[in-house]
C-alpha atoms as a PDB file:
ATOM      1  CA  MET A   1       1.796  -3.693  40.392  1.00  0.00           C
ATOM      2  CA  THR A   2      -1.586  -2.331  41.195  1.00  0.00           C
ATOM      3  CA  ALA A   3      -4.565  -4.578  41.648  1.00  0.00           C
ATOM      4  CA  MET A   4      -6.108  -3.235  38.427  1.00  0.00           C
ATOM      5  CA  ARG A   5      -3.033  -4.183  36.398  1.00  0.00           C
ATOM      6  CA  ILE A   6      -2.940  -7.644  37.945  1.00  0.00           C
ATOM      7  CA  TRP A   7      -6.572  -8.214  36.966  1.00  0.00           C
ATOM      8  CA  ALA A   8      -5.907  -6.915  33.450  1.00  0.00           C
ATOM      9  CA  VAL A   9      -2.911  -9.229  32.993  1.00  0.00           C
ATOM     10  CA  LEU A  10      -4.914 -12.146  34.385  1.00  0.00           C
ATOM     11  CA  ALA A  11      -7.803 -11.416  32.001  1.00  0.00           C
ATOM     12  CA  ILE A  12      -5.416 -11.260  29.029  1.00  0.00           C
ATOM     13  CA  LEU A  13      -3.773 -14.543  30.011  1.00  0.00           C
ATOM     14  CA  LEU A  14      -7.146 -16.240  30.387  1.00  0.00           C
ATOM     15  CA  THR A  15      -8.247 -15.113  26.929  1.00  0.00           C
ATOM     16  CA  LEU A  16      -4.996 -16.327  25.420  1.00  0.00           C
ATOM     17  CA  PHE A  17      -5.499 -19.796  26.822  1.00  0.00           C
ATOM     18  CA  ALA A  18      -9.218 -20.013  26.111  1.00  0.00           C
ATOM     19  CA  VAL A  19     -10.062 -22.876  23.790  1.00  0.00           C
ATOM     20  CA  PRO A  20     -13.472 -23.167  22.178  1.00  0.00           C
ATOM     21  CA  ALA A  21     -15.270 -26.091  23.697  1.00  0.00           C
ATOM     22  CA  ALA A  22     -16.878 -28.562  21.354  1.00  0.00           C
ATOM     23  CA  ALA A  23     -20.544 -29.223  21.911  1.00  0.00           C
ATOM     24  CA  VAL A  24     -20.216 -32.976  21.482  1.00  0.00           C
ATOM     25  CA  GLU A  25     -21.835 -34.651  24.451  1.00  0.00           C
ATOM     26  CA  PRO A  26     -20.395 -37.771  26.086  1.00  0.00           C
ATOM     27  CA  ASP A  27     -23.260 -40.000  24.921  1.00  0.00           C
ATOM     28  CA  GLU A  28     -22.490 -39.092  21.293  1.00  0.00           C
ATOM     29  CA  VAL A  29     -18.837 -40.167  21.365  1.00  0.00           C
ATOM     30  CA  LEU A  30     -18.058 -43.353  19.466  1.00  0.00           C
ATOM     31  CA  ALA A  31     -16.061 -46.153  21.098  1.00  0.00           C
ATOM     32  CA  ASP A  32     -13.686 -46.445  18.115  1.00  0.00           C
ATOM     33  CA  PRO A  33     -11.232 -43.505  18.299  1.00  0.00           C
ATOM     34  CA  LYS A  34     -10.599 -43.551  14.535  1.00  0.00           C
ATOM     35  CA  LEU A  35     -14.313 -43.363  13.724  1.00  0.00           C
ATOM     36  CA  GLU A  36     -14.758 -40.655  16.353  1.00  0.00           C
ATOM     37  CA  GLN A  37     -11.949 -38.614  14.802  1.00  0.00           C
ATOM     38  CA  ARG A  38     -13.533 -38.972  11.360  1.00  0.00           C
ATOM     39  CA  ALA A  39     -16.875 -37.898  12.825  1.00  0.00           C
ATOM     40  CA  ARG A  40     -15.249 -34.840  14.440  1.00  0.00           C
ATOM     41  CA  ASP A  41     -13.493 -33.941  11.186  1.00  0.00           C
ATOM     42  CA  LEU A  42     -16.756 -34.202   9.252  1.00  0.00           C
ATOM     43  CA  SER A  43     -18.692 -32.296  11.910  1.00  0.00           C
ATOM     44  CA  SER A  44     -16.250 -29.406  11.677  1.00  0.00           C
ATOM     45  CA  GLN A  45     -17.027 -29.099   7.944  1.00  0.00           C
ATOM     46  CA  LEU A  46     -20.807 -28.985   8.355  1.00  0.00           C
ATOM     47  CA  ARG A  47     -22.829 -25.871   9.125  1.00  0.00           C
ATOM     48  CA  CYS A  48     -25.341 -25.739  11.931  1.00  0.00           C
ATOM     49  CA  MET A  49     -28.582 -24.847  10.184  1.00  0.00           C
ATOM     50  CA  VAL A  50     -29.788 -22.987  13.280  1.00  0.00           C
ATOM     51  CA  CYS A  51     -26.650 -20.994  14.149  1.00  0.00           C
ATOM     52  CA  GLN A  52     -25.449 -20.690  10.535  1.00  0.00           C
ATOM     53  CA  ASN A  53     -22.008 -19.432  11.487  1.00  0.00           C
ATOM     54  CA  GLN A  54     -20.908 -22.415  13.541  1.00  0.00           C
ATOM     55  CA  SER A  55     -20.067 -25.956  12.677  1.00  0.00           C
ATOM     56  CA  ILE A  56     -22.268 -28.687  14.095  1.00  0.00           C
ATOM     57  CA  ASP A  57     -19.247 -29.711  16.152  1.00  0.00           C
ATOM     58  CA  ASP A  58     -19.310 -26.347  17.964  1.00  0.00           C
ATOM     59  CA  SER A  59     -23.058 -25.782  18.171  1.00  0.00           C
ATOM     60  CA  ASN A  60     -25.291 -26.648  21.112  1.00  0.00           C
ATOM     61  CA  ALA A  61     -28.483 -26.488  19.026  1.00  0.00           C
ATOM     62  CA  ALA A  62     -30.726 -29.553  19.013  1.00  0.00           C
ATOM     63  CA  LEU A  63     -30.523 -29.841  15.217  1.00  0.00           C
ATOM     64  CA  ALA A  64     -26.720 -29.792  15.385  1.00  0.00           C
ATOM     65  CA  ARG A  65     -26.851 -32.639  17.901  1.00  0.00           C
ATOM     66  CA  ASP A  66     -29.156 -34.590  15.585  1.00  0.00           C
ATOM     67  CA  LEU A  67     -26.756 -34.017  12.686  1.00  0.00           C
ATOM     68  CA  ARG A  68     -23.759 -35.119  14.767  1.00  0.00           C
ATOM     69  CA  ILE A  69     -25.609 -38.319  15.690  1.00  0.00           C
ATOM     70  CA  LEU A  70     -26.594 -38.850  12.037  1.00  0.00           C
ATOM     71  CA  VAL A  71     -22.965 -38.450  10.935  1.00  0.00           C
ATOM     72  CA  ARG A  72     -21.863 -41.007  13.499  1.00  0.00           C
ATOM     73  CA  GLU A  73     -24.624 -43.424  12.498  1.00  0.00           C
ATOM     74  CA  ARG A  74     -23.589 -43.195   8.846  1.00  0.00           C
ATOM     75  CA  LEU A  75     -19.931 -43.790   9.726  1.00  0.00           C
ATOM     76  CA  VAL A  76     -20.787 -46.813  11.877  1.00  0.00           C
ATOM     77  CA  ALA A  77     -22.890 -48.140   8.966  1.00  0.00           C
ATOM     78  CA  GLY A  78     -19.729 -48.085   6.850  1.00  0.00           C
ATOM     79  CA  ASP A  79     -20.173 -44.930   4.750  1.00  0.00           C
ATOM     80  CA  SER A  80     -17.074 -43.115   3.570  1.00  0.00           C
ATOM     81  CA  ASP A  81     -16.541 -39.457   4.442  1.00  0.00           C
ATOM     82  CA  GLY A  82     -17.611 -38.449   0.920  1.00  0.00           C
ATOM     83  CA  GLU A  83     -20.784 -40.524   1.154  1.00  0.00           C
ATOM     84  CA  VAL A  84     -21.719 -38.914   4.466  1.00  0.00           C
ATOM     85  CA  ILE A  85     -21.175 -35.422   3.020  1.00  0.00           C
ATOM     86  CA  ASP A  86     -23.131 -36.290  -0.139  1.00  0.00           C
ATOM     87  CA  PHE A  87     -25.996 -37.696   1.951  1.00  0.00           C
ATOM     88  CA  LEU A  88     -26.236 -34.499   3.999  1.00  0.00           C
ATOM     89  CA  VAL A  89     -25.953 -32.268   0.910  1.00  0.00           C
ATOM     90  CA  ASP A  90     -28.734 -34.268  -0.789  1.00  0.00           C
ATOM     91  CA  ARG A  91     -30.874 -33.888   2.304  1.00  0.00           C
ATOM     92  CA  TYR A  92     -30.159 -30.253   3.298  1.00  0.00           C
ATOM     93  CA  GLY A  93     -28.589 -28.679   0.210  1.00  0.00           C
ATOM     94  CA  GLU A  94     -25.095 -27.248  -0.191  1.00  0.00           C
ATOM     95  CA  PHE A  95     -25.799 -24.651   2.473  1.00  0.00           C
ATOM     96  CA  VAL A  96     -24.966 -27.357   5.024  1.00  0.00           C
ATOM     97  CA  LEU A  97     -21.302 -27.137   3.938  1.00  0.00           C
ATOM     98  CA  LEU A  98     -19.241 -24.472   5.701  1.00  0.00           C
ATOM     99  CA  ASN A  99     -16.962 -24.327   2.639  1.00  0.00           C
ATOM    100  CA  PRO A 100     -18.978 -24.601  -0.579  1.00  0.00           C
ATOM    101  CA  ARG A 101     -17.748 -26.907  -3.310  1.00  0.00           C
ATOM    102  CA  PHE A 102     -15.905 -25.417  -6.277  1.00  0.00           C
ATOM    103  CA  ALA A 103     -18.468 -25.850  -9.054  1.00  0.00           C
ATOM    104  CA  GLY A 104     -20.094 -23.838 -11.816  1.00  0.00           C
ATOM    105  CA  HIS A 105     -22.903 -22.564  -9.617  1.00  0.00           C
ATOM    106  CA  THR A 106     -20.491 -21.502  -6.839  1.00  0.00           C
ATOM    107  CA  LEU A 107     -17.928 -19.719  -9.027  1.00  0.00           C
ATOM    108  CA  ILE A 108     -19.159 -16.321  -7.828  1.00  0.00           C
ATOM    109  CA  LEU A 109     -18.389 -17.342  -4.234  1.00  0.00           C
ATOM    110  CA  TRP A 110     -14.873 -18.426  -5.089  1.00  0.00           C
ATOM    111  CA  LEU A 111     -13.925 -15.893  -7.773  1.00  0.00           C
ATOM    112  CA  GLY A 112     -15.978 -12.902  -6.600  1.00  0.00           C
ATOM    113  CA  PRO A 113     -13.441 -11.709  -4.005  1.00  0.00           C
ATOM    114  CA  LEU A 114     -10.629 -11.985  -6.555  1.00  0.00           C
ATOM    115  CA  VAL A 115     -12.608  -9.957  -9.104  1.00  0.00           C
ATOM    116  CA  VAL A 116     -13.384  -7.287  -6.488  1.00  0.00           C
ATOM    117  CA  LEU A 117      -9.705  -7.157  -5.505  1.00  0.00           C
ATOM    118  CA  VAL A 118      -8.561  -6.741  -9.117  1.00  0.00           C
ATOM    119  CA  LEU A 119     -11.175  -4.049  -9.757  1.00  0.00           C
ATOM    120  CA  GLY A 120     -10.153  -2.234  -6.574  1.00  0.00           C
ATOM    121  CA  VAL A 121      -6.461  -2.298  -7.464  1.00  0.00           C
ATOM    122  CA  GLY A 122      -7.312  -1.124 -10.991  1.00  0.00           C
ATOM    123  CA  ALA A 123      -9.394   1.750  -9.629  1.00  0.00           C
ATOM    124  CA  LEU A 124      -6.632   2.799  -7.237  1.00  0.00           C
ATOM    125  CA  TRP A 125      -4.062   2.666 -10.051  1.00  0.00           C
ATOM    126  CA  ARG A 126      -6.330   4.779 -12.274  1.00  0.00           C
ATOM    127  CA  VAL A 127      -6.880   7.414  -9.570  1.00  0.00           C
ATOM    128  CA  GLN A 128      -3.149   7.547  -8.864  1.00  0.00           C
ATOM    129  CA  ARG A 129      -2.382   7.879 -12.567  1.00  0.00           C
ATOM    130  CA  ARG A 130      -4.882  10.736 -12.971  1.00  0.00           C
ATOM    131  CA  ARG A 131      -3.308  12.554 -10.037  1.00  0.00           C
ATOM    132  CA  ALA A 132       0.153  12.137 -11.543  1.00  0.00           C
ATOM    133  CA  VAL A 133      -0.991  13.429 -14.960  1.00  0.00           C
ATOM    134  CA  LYS A 134      -2.720  16.378 -13.320  1.00  0.00           C
ATOM    135  CA  ALA A 135       0.394  17.192 -11.285  1.00  0.00           C
ATOM    136  CA  GLU A 136       2.527  17.094 -14.462  1.00  0.00           C
ATOM    137  CA  ALA A 137       0.090  19.369 -16.294  1.00  0.00           C
ATOM    138  CA  GLU A 138       0.032  21.939 -13.519  1.00  0.00           C
ATOM    139  CA  PRO A 139       3.539  22.058 -12.064  1.00  0.00           C
ATOM    140  CA  ALA A 140       3.134  25.654 -10.979  1.00  0.00           C
ATOM    141  CA  ALA A 141      -0.076  25.212  -9.011  1.00  0.00           C
ATOM    142  CA  GLY A 142       0.194  26.830  -5.614  1.00  0.00           C
ATOM    143  CA  LEU A 143       3.194  28.970  -6.539  1.00  0.00           C
ATOM    144  CA  SER A 144       3.413  32.709  -6.263  1.00  0.00           C
ATOM    145  CA  GLU A 145       3.705  34.831  -9.417  1.00  0.00           C
ATOM    146  CA  GLU A 146       7.421  35.323  -8.863  1.00  0.00           C
ATOM    147  CA  GLU A 147       7.994  31.572  -8.409  1.00  0.00           C
ATOM    148  CA  ARG A 148       6.036  30.843 -11.606  1.00  0.00           C
ATOM    149  CA  LYS A 149       8.217  33.273 -13.611  1.00  0.00           C
ATOM    150  CA  ARG A 150      11.371  31.687 -12.225  1.00  0.00           C
ATOM    151  CA  LEU A 151      10.090  28.182 -12.967  1.00  0.00           C
ATOM    152  CA  LYS A 152       9.150  29.225 -16.497  1.00  0.00           C
ATOM    153  CA  SER A 153      12.616  30.616 -17.087  1.00  0.00           C
ATOM    154  CA  LEU A 154      14.271  27.466 -15.736  1.00  0.00           C
ATOM    155  CA  ILE A 155      12.145  25.269 -18.018  1.00  0.00           C
ATOM    156  CA  SER A 156      12.814  27.428 -21.096  1.00  0.00           C
ATOM    157  CA  ASP A 157      16.618  27.377 -20.440  1.00  0.00           C
ATOM    158  CA  ARG A 158      16.767  23.640 -21.082  1.00  0.00           C
END
């Protein structure tokens, strides 16, 4: 193997084994493993308001750190997971949730892709149907005059 291939294989192997590192710092970790796991689960559901495409569990932003600490404080105070989520939604709005709730005002988010898919399939079916009808109406398109006469005679012999 050439050196270039070895480096390429090594790079591929490294990317396969790469695991995203969580941004939780050691001073944030709770002593109770069950509470810490709940905090991590909740943090993975909450959006970093700075990064907007990362959870607060994955973000290194200062606001994400503050939110992680707030989640842990609420859990230590005895709040349930739902109460913590509701508190943050009341404070920051539903945008803080990575997956919006299924409600009347979020129906477009949940049903929009399905509607677009159905419309797309319908449009494709309609185009295909028009092509089929056009092909049936003009069976002799692209034929020479002699081939058209022969086709006409074959059709009339039926």
